[in-house]
């Protein structure tokens, strides 16, 4: 069975992450992904948002954290 497709670890981790985020609202998804170290572009890709929208939510989270 040398022709079996192999699923990369990165793809597996992304799939598990998406499954775990499914029940969260968008703000919680963005916050979780950013805290996990994902870039704005990666977060946008995973959530279906634009990178600019993620950046705005990131700023909102920073302001919320300083209060």
C-alpha atoms as a PDB file:
ATOM      1  CA  UNK A   1       0.000   0.000   0.000  1.00  0.00           C
ATOM      2  CA  UNK A   2       2.687   2.526  -0.903  1.00  0.00           C
ATOM      3  CA  UNK A   3       0.200   4.742  -2.773  1.00  0.00           C
ATOM      4  CA  UNK A   4      -1.927   5.497   0.300  1.00  0.00           C
ATOM      5  CA  UNK A   5      -2.369   9.229   0.777  1.00  0.00           C
ATOM      6  CA  UNK A   6      -0.833  10.562   3.955  1.00  0.00           C
ATOM      7  CA  UNK A   7      -2.465  13.351   5.895  1.00  0.00           C
ATOM      8  CA  UNK A   8       0.033  15.895   7.114  1.00  0.00           C
ATOM      9  CA  UNK A   9       0.273  16.713  10.788  1.00  0.00           C
ATOM     10  CA  UNK A  10      -0.494  20.366  10.028  1.00  0.00           C
ATOM     11  CA  UNK A  11      -3.706  19.448   8.208  1.00  0.00           C
ATOM     12  CA  UNK A  12      -4.737  17.150  11.043  1.00  0.00           C
ATOM     13  CA  UNK A  13      -4.103  19.850  13.654  1.00  0.00           C
ATOM     14  CA  UNK A  14      -6.048  22.425  11.648  1.00  0.00           C
ATOM     15  CA  UNK A  15      -8.977  20.030  11.319  1.00  0.00           C
ATOM     16  CA  UNK A  16      -8.993  19.317  15.055  1.00  0.00           C
ATOM     17  CA  UNK A  17      -8.767  23.027  15.805  1.00  0.00           C
ATOM     18  CA  UNK A  18     -11.691  23.812  13.510  1.00  0.00           C
ATOM     19  CA  UNK A  19     -13.784  21.100  15.136  1.00  0.00           C
ATOM     20  CA  UNK A  20     -13.024  22.458  18.605  1.00  0.00           C
ATOM     21  CA  UNK A  21     -13.867  26.037  17.571  1.00  0.00           C
ATOM     22  CA  UNK A  22     -17.149  25.158  15.875  1.00  0.00           C
ATOM     23  CA  UNK A  23     -19.367  25.955  18.868  1.00  0.00           C
ATOM     24  CA  UNK A  24     -17.698  29.273  19.696  1.00  0.00           C
ATOM     25  CA  UNK A  25     -18.791  32.681  18.453  1.00  0.00           C
ATOM     26  CA  UNK A  26     -16.511  34.476  15.996  1.00  0.00           C
ATOM     27  CA  UNK A  27     -14.877  36.705  18.624  1.00  0.00           C
ATOM     28  CA  UNK A  28     -13.975  33.678  20.730  1.00  0.00           C
ATOM     29  CA  UNK A  29     -12.652  31.850  17.669  1.00  0.00           C
ATOM     30  CA  UNK A  30     -10.431  34.783  16.704  1.00  0.00           C
ATOM     31  CA  UNK A  31      -9.201  35.245  20.263  1.00  0.00           C
ATOM     32  CA  UNK A  32      -8.400  31.540  20.645  1.00  0.00           C
ATOM     33  CA  UNK A  33      -6.512  31.355  17.358  1.00  0.00           C
ATOM     34  CA  UNK A  34      -4.534  34.534  18.023  1.00  0.00           C
ATOM     35  CA  UNK A  35      -3.572  33.346  21.500  1.00  0.00           C
ATOM     36  CA  UNK A  36      -2.464  30.053  19.931  1.00  0.00           C
ATOM     37  CA  UNK A  37       0.006  32.021  17.826  1.00  0.00           C
ATOM     38  CA  UNK A  38      -1.709  32.042  14.453  1.00  0.00           C
ATOM     39  CA  UNK A  39      -1.115  35.066  12.214  1.00  0.00           C
ATOM     40  CA  UNK A  40      -3.929  37.367  11.075  1.00  0.00           C
ATOM     41  CA  UNK A  41      -3.837  35.724   7.638  1.00  0.00           C
ATOM     42  CA  UNK A  42      -4.077  32.211   9.107  1.00  0.00           C
ATOM     43  CA  UNK A  43      -6.956  33.259  11.375  1.00  0.00           C
ATOM     44  CA  UNK A  44      -8.723  34.838   8.409  1.00  0.00           C
ATOM     45  CA  UNK A  45      -8.259  31.646   6.406  1.00  0.00           C
ATOM     46  CA  UNK A  46      -9.595  29.431   9.198  1.00  0.00           C
ATOM     47  CA  UNK A  47     -12.589  31.624  10.084  1.00  0.00           C
ATOM     48  CA  UNK A  48     -13.555  32.820   6.612  1.00  0.00           C
ATOM     49  CA  UNK A  49     -12.933  36.459   7.509  1.00  0.00           C
ATOM     50  CA  UNK A  50     -10.628  38.959   5.840  1.00  0.00           C
ATOM     51  CA  UNK A  51      -7.228  39.679   7.368  1.00  0.00           C
ATOM     52  CA  UNK A  52      -8.309  43.296   7.928  1.00  0.00           C
ATOM     53  CA  UNK A  53     -11.373  42.181   9.885  1.00  0.00           C
ATOM     54  CA  UNK A  54      -9.176  39.927  12.008  1.00  0.00           C
ATOM     55  CA  UNK A  55      -6.824  42.856  12.627  1.00  0.00           C
ATOM     56  CA  UNK A  56      -9.727  45.007  13.814  1.00  0.00           C
ATOM     57  CA  UNK A  57     -10.915  42.280  16.178  1.00  0.00           C
ATOM     58  CA  UNK A  58      -7.345  41.883  17.416  1.00  0.00           C
ATOM     59  CA  UNK A  59      -7.255  45.593  18.283  1.00  0.00           C
ATOM     60  CA  UNK A  60     -10.629  45.256  20.007  1.00  0.00           C
ATOM     61  CA  UNK A  61      -9.261  42.372  22.094  1.00  0.00           C
ATOM     62  CA  UNK A  62      -6.164  44.380  23.041  1.00  0.00           C
ATOM     63  CA  UNK A  63      -8.336  47.287  24.206  1.00  0.00           C
ATOM     64  CA  UNK A  64     -10.565  44.915  26.160  1.00  0.00           C
ATOM     65  CA  UNK A  65      -7.528  43.403  27.866  1.00  0.00           C
ATOM     66  CA  UNK A  66      -6.132  46.748  29.050  1.00  0.00           C
ATOM     67  CA  UNK A  67      -9.259  47.855  30.896  1.00  0.00           C
END
